[in-house]
Amino acid sequence: MNVTAYTDGAASGNPGPGGYGVVLEAGKHRRELWGGFRRTTNNRMELLATIVAMESLKQPGTEITIVSDSKYVVDSVEKGWVFGWEKKKFAKKKNPDLWKRFLLIYRQHKVRFHWIRGHNGHPQNELCDQLAVAAREQKDLPADEVYEQLGENDGLF
């Protein structure tokens, strides 16, 4: 089965409250996922949206196309940067916790990336943005624990 995942992240302030949105489509099936955190960054939410999309797949080896407006995510994978970071144990790189989580699930599927320009009228991208913004606007958001414990103090984020 081929799956297309549209993903987006949002943060109000950077850092600030943030959220992610995902729209998964496979044939006639469609699923929307979202979540938010009280203090995080836009790039963390962009990356987390991609991770959540892949983690939602039930069958290993699923072919999935990730459609994202995040150059941070798309270029990091498509240009091979993340694999170099991994070899260097993510030394002095931002978001190592999420990149490690990303690589674990990425290697379980057949993943392609497609970059699109954000806020350009693409229906699924616009919906993902709405989901991400709505998620970050929720009351009593949980902590992005790694970010809050380590992020601003040690320069990793």
N, C-alpha and C. Protein backbone atom coordinates (compact mmCIF):
# COMPACT_ATOMS: atom_id res chain seq x y z
N MET A 1 0.84 -1.18 0.00
CA MET A 1 0.00 0.00 0.00
C MET A 1 0.89 1.24 0.00
N ASN A 2 0.56 2.21 -0.81
CA ASN A 2 1.25 3.49 -0.84
C ASN A 2 0.51 4.49 0.03
N VAL A 3 1.25 5.19 0.86
CA VAL A 3 0.68 6.20 1.75
C VAL A 3 1.34 7.53 1.43
N THR A 4 0.54 8.57 1.45
CA THR A 4 1.07 9.93 1.37
C THR A 4 0.77 10.60 2.70
N ALA A 5 1.82 11.18 3.29
CA ALA A 5 1.67 11.90 4.55
C ALA A 5 2.02 13.36 4.32
N TYR A 6 1.08 14.23 4.60
CA TYR A 6 1.31 15.67 4.55
C TYR A 6 1.59 16.10 5.98
N THR A 7 2.64 16.88 6.18
CA THR A 7 3.06 17.21 7.54
C THR A 7 3.35 18.70 7.67
N ASP A 8 3.13 19.23 8.88
CA ASP A 8 3.49 20.62 9.15
C ASP A 8 3.68 20.79 10.65
N GLY A 9 4.48 21.77 11.00
CA GLY A 9 4.69 22.13 12.39
C GLY A 9 4.54 23.63 12.54
N ALA A 10 4.24 24.05 13.77
CA ALA A 10 4.05 25.47 14.04
C ALA A 10 4.46 25.77 15.47
N ALA A 11 5.04 26.94 15.67
CA ALA A 11 5.33 27.41 17.02
C ALA A 11 5.02 28.90 17.07
N SER A 12 4.43 29.33 18.17
CA SER A 12 4.12 30.73 18.37
C SER A 12 5.23 31.30 19.24
N GLY A 13 6.14 32.02 18.60
CA GLY A 13 7.40 32.33 19.24
C GLY A 13 8.29 31.14 18.94
N ASN A 14 9.54 31.32 18.98
CA ASN A 14 10.42 30.20 18.63
C ASN A 14 11.64 30.25 19.55
N PRO A 15 11.53 29.77 20.78
CA PRO A 15 10.55 28.81 21.28
C PRO A 15 9.26 29.46 21.78
N GLY A 16 8.27 28.60 21.89
CA GLY A 16 6.97 28.98 22.40
C GLY A 16 6.05 27.79 22.31
N PRO A 17 4.76 28.00 22.52
CA PRO A 17 3.82 26.89 22.34
C PRO A 17 3.89 26.41 20.89
N GLY A 18 3.87 25.10 20.71
CA GLY A 18 3.99 24.56 19.36
C GLY A 18 3.09 23.39 19.13
N GLY A 19 2.86 23.09 17.86
CA GLY A 19 2.04 21.95 17.49
C GLY A 19 2.45 21.39 16.16
N TYR A 20 1.97 20.18 15.91
CA TYR A 20 2.20 19.53 14.62
C TYR A 20 0.88 19.03 14.08
N GLY A 21 0.81 18.90 12.76
CA GLY A 21 -0.36 18.35 12.10
C GLY A 21 0.06 17.39 11.00
N VAL A 22 -0.69 16.32 10.86
CA VAL A 22 -0.41 15.29 9.86
C VAL A 22 -1.72 14.90 9.19
N VAL A 23 -1.70 14.78 7.88
CA VAL A 23 -2.81 14.20 7.13
C VAL A 23 -2.24 13.01 6.36
N LEU A 24 -2.75 11.82 6.67
CA LEU A 24 -2.34 10.60 5.99
C LEU A 24 -3.42 10.21 5.00
N GLU A 25 -3.01 9.86 3.79
CA GLU A 25 -3.95 9.42 2.76
C GLU A 25 -3.44 8.14 2.11
N ALA A 26 -4.32 7.17 1.98
CA ALA A 26 -4.01 5.92 1.29
C ALA A 26 -5.30 5.46 0.62
N GLY A 27 -5.34 5.58 -0.69
CA GLY A 27 -6.57 5.24 -1.40
C GLY A 27 -7.71 6.12 -0.91
N LYS A 28 -8.81 5.47 -0.49
CA LYS A 28 -9.98 6.20 0.01
C LYS A 28 -9.85 6.56 1.48
N HIS A 29 -8.81 6.07 2.12
CA HIS A 29 -8.65 6.27 3.57
C HIS A 29 -7.90 7.56 3.87
N ARG A 30 -8.32 8.19 4.95
CA ARG A 30 -7.69 9.44 5.37
C ARG A 30 -7.69 9.50 6.90
N ARG A 31 -6.60 9.97 7.46
CA ARG A 31 -6.49 10.09 8.91
C ARG A 31 -5.76 11.38 9.24
N GLU A 32 -6.22 12.07 10.27
CA GLU A 32 -5.60 13.31 10.71
C GLU A 32 -5.04 13.09 12.11
N LEU A 33 -3.83 13.58 12.34
CA LEU A 33 -3.16 13.47 13.64
C LEU A 33 -2.61 14.84 14.02
N TRP A 34 -2.61 15.14 15.29
CA TRP A 34 -2.06 16.41 15.74
C TRP A 34 -1.71 16.31 17.21
N GLY A 35 -0.88 17.24 17.64
CA GLY A 35 -0.50 17.32 19.04
C GLY A 35 0.28 18.59 19.27
N GLY A 36 0.43 18.95 20.55
CA GLY A 36 1.13 20.19 20.85
C GLY A 36 1.88 20.12 22.17
N PHE A 37 2.73 21.13 22.36
CA PHE A 37 3.56 21.23 23.55
C PHE A 37 3.62 22.68 24.00
N ARG A 38 3.81 22.88 25.29
CA ARG A 38 3.75 24.23 25.84
C ARG A 38 4.97 25.09 25.49
N ARG A 39 6.13 24.46 25.25
CA ARG A 39 7.34 25.22 24.89
C ARG A 39 8.21 24.34 24.02
N THR A 40 8.39 24.77 22.79
CA THR A 40 9.13 23.99 21.81
C THR A 40 9.55 24.91 20.67
N THR A 41 10.04 24.34 19.58
CA THR A 41 10.42 25.15 18.42
C THR A 41 9.70 24.67 17.17
N ASN A 42 9.69 25.52 16.18
CA ASN A 42 9.06 25.16 14.91
C ASN A 42 9.74 23.95 14.28
N ASN A 43 11.07 23.94 14.24
CA ASN A 43 11.77 22.81 13.62
C ASN A 43 11.49 21.50 14.34
N ARG A 44 11.39 21.53 15.66
CA ARG A 44 11.05 20.30 16.39
C ARG A 44 9.67 19.81 15.97
N MET A 45 8.73 20.71 15.79
CA MET A 45 7.37 20.31 15.42
C MET A 45 7.32 19.81 13.98
N GLU A 46 8.09 20.42 13.08
CA GLU A 46 8.16 19.94 11.70
C GLU A 46 8.69 18.51 11.67
N LEU A 47 9.76 18.26 12.41
CA LEU A 47 10.36 16.93 12.46
C LEU A 47 9.45 15.94 13.16
N LEU A 48 8.82 16.36 14.25
CA LEU A 48 7.93 15.46 14.98
C LEU A 48 6.73 15.06 14.11
N ALA A 49 6.22 15.96 13.31
CA ALA A 49 5.10 15.62 12.42
C ALA A 49 5.50 14.47 11.49
N THR A 50 6.70 14.54 10.96
CA THR A 50 7.20 13.48 10.07
C THR A 50 7.34 12.16 10.83
N ILE A 51 7.87 12.22 12.03
CA ILE A 51 8.02 11.02 12.85
C ILE A 51 6.67 10.40 13.17
N VAL A 52 5.73 11.21 13.61
CA VAL A 52 4.39 10.72 13.96
C VAL A 52 3.73 10.06 12.75
N ALA A 53 3.91 10.66 11.59
CA ALA A 53 3.33 10.07 10.37
C ALA A 53 3.87 8.66 10.15
N MET A 54 5.18 8.49 10.23
CA MET A 54 5.78 7.17 10.01
C MET A 54 5.44 6.20 11.13
N GLU A 55 5.42 6.68 12.37
CA GLU A 55 5.09 5.80 13.49
C GLU A 55 3.65 5.31 13.46
N SER A 56 2.79 6.00 12.75
CA SER A 56 1.39 5.59 12.68
C SER A 56 1.17 4.42 11.71
N LEU A 57 2.17 4.10 10.90
CA LEU A 57 2.04 3.00 9.94
C LEU A 57 2.12 1.66 10.66
N LYS A 58 1.22 0.77 10.32
CA LYS A 58 1.14 -0.51 11.03
C LYS A 58 2.04 -1.59 10.44
N GLN A 59 2.36 -1.50 9.16
CA GLN A 59 3.14 -2.53 8.49
C GLN A 59 4.55 -2.05 8.17
N PRO A 60 5.59 -2.74 8.66
CA PRO A 60 6.95 -2.40 8.24
C PRO A 60 7.09 -2.52 6.73
N GLY A 61 7.92 -1.69 6.16
CA GLY A 61 8.13 -1.74 4.72
C GLY A 61 7.11 -0.98 3.90
N THR A 62 6.25 -0.24 4.56
CA THR A 62 5.25 0.55 3.84
C THR A 62 5.93 1.63 3.01
N GLU A 63 5.44 1.81 1.79
CA GLU A 63 5.92 2.90 0.95
C GLU A 63 5.17 4.16 1.34
N ILE A 64 5.93 5.17 1.73
CA ILE A 64 5.31 6.41 2.18
C ILE A 64 6.03 7.59 1.55
N THR A 65 5.25 8.54 1.09
CA THR A 65 5.78 9.80 0.59
C THR A 65 5.42 10.86 1.61
N ILE A 66 6.45 11.51 2.15
CA ILE A 66 6.25 12.60 3.09
C ILE A 66 6.26 13.90 2.30
N VAL A 67 5.17 14.65 2.37
CA VAL A 67 5.06 15.94 1.71
C VAL A 67 5.16 17.00 2.79
N SER A 68 6.21 17.81 2.73
CA SER A 68 6.50 18.76 3.79
C SER A 68 6.93 20.10 3.22
N ASP A 69 6.62 21.16 3.96
CA ASP A 69 7.12 22.48 3.58
C ASP A 69 8.37 22.85 4.36
N SER A 70 8.95 21.87 5.06
CA SER A 70 10.12 22.11 5.89
C SER A 70 11.40 21.74 5.16
N LYS A 71 12.16 22.75 4.76
CA LYS A 71 13.47 22.49 4.17
C LYS A 71 14.39 21.82 5.19
N TYR A 72 14.22 22.18 6.46
CA TYR A 72 15.01 21.59 7.53
C TYR A 72 14.89 20.07 7.50
N VAL A 73 13.68 19.56 7.43
CA VAL A 73 13.47 18.11 7.42
C VAL A 73 13.85 17.51 6.08
N VAL A 74 13.30 18.03 5.01
CA VAL A 74 13.50 17.44 3.68
C VAL A 74 14.97 17.46 3.29
N ASP A 75 15.63 18.59 3.41
CA ASP A 75 17.04 18.67 3.01
C ASP A 75 17.94 17.82 3.90
N SER A 76 17.63 17.75 5.19
CA SER A 76 18.45 16.95 6.10
C SER A 76 18.51 15.49 5.67
N VAL A 77 17.40 15.00 5.12
CA VAL A 77 17.35 13.61 4.68
C VAL A 77 17.80 13.48 3.24
N GLU A 78 17.21 14.26 2.36
CA GLU A 78 17.49 14.14 0.93
C GLU A 78 18.95 14.46 0.59
N LYS A 79 19.56 15.35 1.31
CA LYS A 79 20.97 15.70 1.06
C LYS A 79 21.92 14.86 1.91
N GLY A 80 21.36 13.96 2.72
CA GLY A 80 22.16 13.02 3.48
C GLY A 80 22.82 13.57 4.74
N TRP A 81 22.47 14.78 5.12
CA TRP A 81 23.12 15.39 6.28
C TRP A 81 22.90 14.57 7.55
N VAL A 82 21.67 14.09 7.75
CA VAL A 82 21.34 13.39 9.00
C VAL A 82 22.19 12.12 9.18
N PHE A 83 22.57 11.50 8.09
CA PHE A 83 23.37 10.28 8.18
C PHE A 83 24.80 10.61 8.60
N GLY A 84 25.30 11.74 8.17
CA GLY A 84 26.60 12.22 8.63
C GLY A 84 26.55 12.61 10.10
N TRP A 85 25.46 13.27 10.49
CA TRP A 85 25.30 13.64 11.90
C TRP A 85 25.28 12.39 12.77
N GLU A 86 24.60 11.37 12.28
CA GLU A 86 24.51 10.12 13.04
C GLU A 86 25.90 9.52 13.25
N LYS A 87 26.70 9.51 12.21
CA LYS A 87 28.06 8.96 12.32
C LYS A 87 28.89 9.72 13.35
N LYS A 88 28.60 11.00 13.51
CA LYS A 88 29.32 11.82 14.49
C LYS A 88 28.56 11.92 15.81
N LYS A 89 27.58 11.01 15.98
CA LYS A 89 26.78 10.93 17.21
C LYS A 89 26.06 12.25 17.51
N PHE A 90 25.66 12.95 16.47
CA PHE A 90 24.89 14.18 16.56
C PHE A 90 25.60 15.27 17.36
N ALA A 91 26.91 15.21 17.40
CA ALA A 91 27.69 16.21 18.14
C ALA A 91 27.35 17.62 17.67
N LYS A 92 26.95 18.45 18.59
CA LYS A 92 26.65 19.86 18.35
C LYS A 92 25.53 20.07 17.32
N LYS A 93 24.65 19.10 17.18
CA LYS A 93 23.51 19.24 16.28
C LYS A 93 22.24 19.46 17.09
N LYS A 94 21.33 20.18 16.52
CA LYS A 94 20.05 20.45 17.18
C LYS A 94 19.13 19.24 17.06
N ASN A 95 18.32 19.05 18.07
CA ASN A 95 17.26 18.04 18.10
C ASN A 95 17.74 16.60 17.96
N PRO A 96 18.84 16.24 18.61
CA PRO A 96 19.34 14.87 18.45
C PRO A 96 18.35 13.81 18.90
N ASP A 97 17.57 14.11 19.93
CA ASP A 97 16.57 13.14 20.41
C ASP A 97 15.58 12.79 19.32
N LEU A 98 15.11 13.80 18.61
CA LEU A 98 14.13 13.55 17.55
C LEU A 98 14.77 12.93 16.31
N TRP A 99 16.00 13.33 15.98
CA TRP A 99 16.65 12.73 14.82
C TRP A 99 16.92 11.25 15.05
N LYS A 100 17.29 10.87 16.26
CA LYS A 100 17.50 9.45 16.56
C LYS A 100 16.18 8.68 16.43
N ARG A 101 15.12 9.26 16.97
CA ARG A 101 13.78 8.64 16.85
C ARG A 101 13.37 8.54 15.38
N PHE A 102 13.65 9.60 14.62
CA PHE A 102 13.36 9.62 13.19
C PHE A 102 14.05 8.45 12.48
N LEU A 103 15.35 8.31 12.71
CA LEU A 103 16.11 7.28 12.00
C LEU A 103 15.62 5.87 12.32
N LEU A 104 15.19 5.64 13.55
CA LEU A 104 14.67 4.32 13.91
C LEU A 104 13.45 3.95 13.08
N ILE A 105 12.52 4.87 12.93
CA ILE A 105 11.28 4.57 12.19
C ILE A 105 11.51 4.70 10.68
N TYR A 106 12.34 5.63 10.27
CA TYR A 106 12.65 5.83 8.84
C TYR A 106 13.17 4.54 8.22
N ARG A 107 14.01 3.83 8.94
CA ARG A 107 14.62 2.61 8.42
C ARG A 107 13.66 1.43 8.36
N GLN A 108 12.48 1.58 8.90
CA GLN A 108 11.49 0.51 8.87
C GLN A 108 10.57 0.60 7.65
N HIS A 109 10.66 1.68 6.91
CA HIS A 109 9.75 1.89 5.78
C HIS A 109 10.53 2.31 4.53
N LYS A 110 9.81 2.40 3.44
CA LYS A 110 10.36 2.90 2.18
C LYS A 110 9.86 4.33 2.02
N VAL A 111 10.73 5.28 2.35
CA VAL A 111 10.32 6.67 2.49
C VAL A 111 10.88 7.53 1.36
N ARG A 112 10.01 8.35 0.81
CA ARG A 112 10.40 9.39 -0.14
C ARG A 112 9.93 10.72 0.43
N PHE A 113 10.63 11.76 0.06
CA PHE A 113 10.25 13.10 0.50
C PHE A 113 9.92 13.97 -0.70
N HIS A 114 8.98 14.84 -0.48
CA HIS A 114 8.60 15.82 -1.50
C HIS A 114 8.41 17.16 -0.79
N TRP A 115 9.21 18.15 -1.18
CA TRP A 115 9.08 19.47 -0.59
C TRP A 115 8.08 20.30 -1.39
N ILE A 116 7.23 21.03 -0.65
CA ILE A 116 6.32 21.99 -1.28
C ILE A 116 6.45 23.32 -0.56
N ARG A 117 6.13 24.38 -1.24
CA ARG A 117 6.15 25.70 -0.61
C ARG A 117 4.96 25.81 0.33
N GLY A 118 5.22 26.24 1.56
CA GLY A 118 4.15 26.38 2.55
C GLY A 118 3.28 27.59 2.29
N HIS A 119 2.08 27.55 2.81
CA HIS A 119 1.13 28.66 2.72
C HIS A 119 0.95 29.12 1.27
N ASN A 120 0.82 28.12 0.40
CA ASN A 120 0.73 28.39 -1.02
C ASN A 120 -0.56 27.82 -1.62
N GLY A 121 -1.54 27.54 -0.76
CA GLY A 121 -2.83 27.08 -1.24
C GLY A 121 -2.95 25.58 -1.45
N HIS A 122 -1.94 24.80 -1.08
CA HIS A 122 -2.03 23.34 -1.21
C HIS A 122 -3.00 22.85 -0.14
N PRO A 123 -4.12 22.22 -0.53
CA PRO A 123 -5.18 21.89 0.44
C PRO A 123 -4.72 21.08 1.65
N GLN A 124 -3.97 20.02 1.44
CA GLN A 124 -3.55 19.20 2.57
C GLN A 124 -2.52 19.93 3.43
N ASN A 125 -1.63 20.70 2.81
CA ASN A 125 -0.66 21.47 3.58
C ASN A 125 -1.37 22.52 4.43
N GLU A 126 -2.36 23.16 3.87
CA GLU A 126 -3.12 24.16 4.62
C GLU A 126 -3.85 23.51 5.79
N LEU A 127 -4.40 22.31 5.56
CA LEU A 127 -5.08 21.59 6.64
C LEU A 127 -4.09 21.22 7.73
N CYS A 128 -2.91 20.73 7.35
CA CYS A 128 -1.88 20.40 8.34
C CYS A 128 -1.52 21.63 9.17
N ASP A 129 -1.39 22.77 8.53
CA ASP A 129 -1.08 24.00 9.24
C ASP A 129 -2.19 24.33 10.23
N GLN A 130 -3.44 24.19 9.80
CA GLN A 130 -4.57 24.45 10.70
C GLN A 130 -4.55 23.51 11.89
N LEU A 131 -4.24 22.23 11.65
CA LEU A 131 -4.16 21.26 12.75
C LEU A 131 -3.04 21.63 13.71
N ALA A 132 -1.88 22.01 13.18
CA ALA A 132 -0.73 22.36 14.01
C ALA A 132 -1.03 23.60 14.86
N VAL A 133 -1.63 24.60 14.24
CA VAL A 133 -1.96 25.83 14.97
C VAL A 133 -3.01 25.54 16.03
N ALA A 134 -4.04 24.76 15.69
CA ALA A 134 -5.07 24.41 16.68
C ALA A 134 -4.47 23.62 17.84
N ALA A 135 -3.52 22.74 17.54
CA ALA A 135 -2.88 21.94 18.59
C ALA A 135 -2.10 22.83 19.54
N ARG A 136 -1.38 23.80 19.02
CA ARG A 136 -0.56 24.67 19.89
C ARG A 136 -1.42 25.63 20.71
N GLU A 137 -2.66 25.84 20.29
CA GLU A 137 -3.57 26.76 20.98
C GLU A 137 -4.34 26.08 22.12
N GLN A 138 -4.20 24.78 22.26
CA GLN A 138 -4.91 24.05 23.31
C GLN A 138 -4.44 24.50 24.69
N LYS A 139 -5.33 24.39 25.66
CA LYS A 139 -4.97 24.70 27.05
C LYS A 139 -4.27 23.50 27.67
N ASP A 140 -3.46 23.77 28.67
CA ASP A 140 -2.78 22.72 29.44
C ASP A 140 -1.96 21.79 28.56
N LEU A 141 -1.18 22.35 27.67
CA LEU A 141 -0.32 21.54 26.80
C LEU A 141 0.74 20.83 27.63
N PRO A 142 1.10 19.63 27.23
CA PRO A 142 2.17 18.92 27.95
C PRO A 142 3.53 19.53 27.62
N ALA A 143 4.51 19.13 28.40
CA ALA A 143 5.88 19.58 28.18
C ALA A 143 6.52 18.78 27.06
N ASP A 144 7.31 19.46 26.25
CA ASP A 144 8.26 18.80 25.35
C ASP A 144 9.47 18.57 26.25
N GLU A 145 9.45 17.47 26.97
CA GLU A 145 10.34 17.27 28.11
C GLU A 145 11.82 17.41 27.77
N VAL A 146 12.25 16.84 26.69
CA VAL A 146 13.68 16.95 26.34
C VAL A 146 14.04 18.40 26.08
N TYR A 147 13.20 19.09 25.34
CA TYR A 147 13.49 20.49 25.04
C TYR A 147 13.53 21.32 26.32
N GLU A 148 12.53 21.15 27.17
CA GLU A 148 12.46 21.97 28.38
C GLU A 148 13.58 21.64 29.36
N GLN A 149 14.00 20.39 29.43
CA GLN A 149 15.04 20.01 30.38
C GLN A 149 16.43 20.38 29.89
N LEU A 150 16.66 20.26 28.59
CA LEU A 150 18.02 20.41 28.08
C LEU A 150 18.20 21.56 27.09
N GLY A 151 17.17 21.81 26.33
CA GLY A 151 17.28 22.65 25.16
C GLY A 151 17.96 23.97 25.28
N GLU A 152 17.40 24.85 26.05
CA GLU A 152 17.93 26.21 26.08
C GLU A 152 19.20 26.31 26.90
N ASN A 153 19.46 25.34 27.77
CA ASN A 153 20.62 25.43 28.66
C ASN A 153 21.90 24.91 28.05
N ASP A 154 21.81 23.96 27.14
CA ASP A 154 23.06 23.38 26.63
C ASP A 154 23.28 23.63 25.15
N GLY A 155 22.44 24.44 24.53
CA GLY A 155 22.66 24.80 23.15
C GLY A 155 22.30 23.73 22.13
N LEU A 156 21.70 22.62 22.55
CA LEU A 156 21.36 21.57 21.60
C LEU A 156 20.18 21.93 20.72
N PHE A 157 19.39 22.89 21.16
CA PHE A 157 18.19 23.17 20.40
C PHE A 157 18.23 24.59 19.88
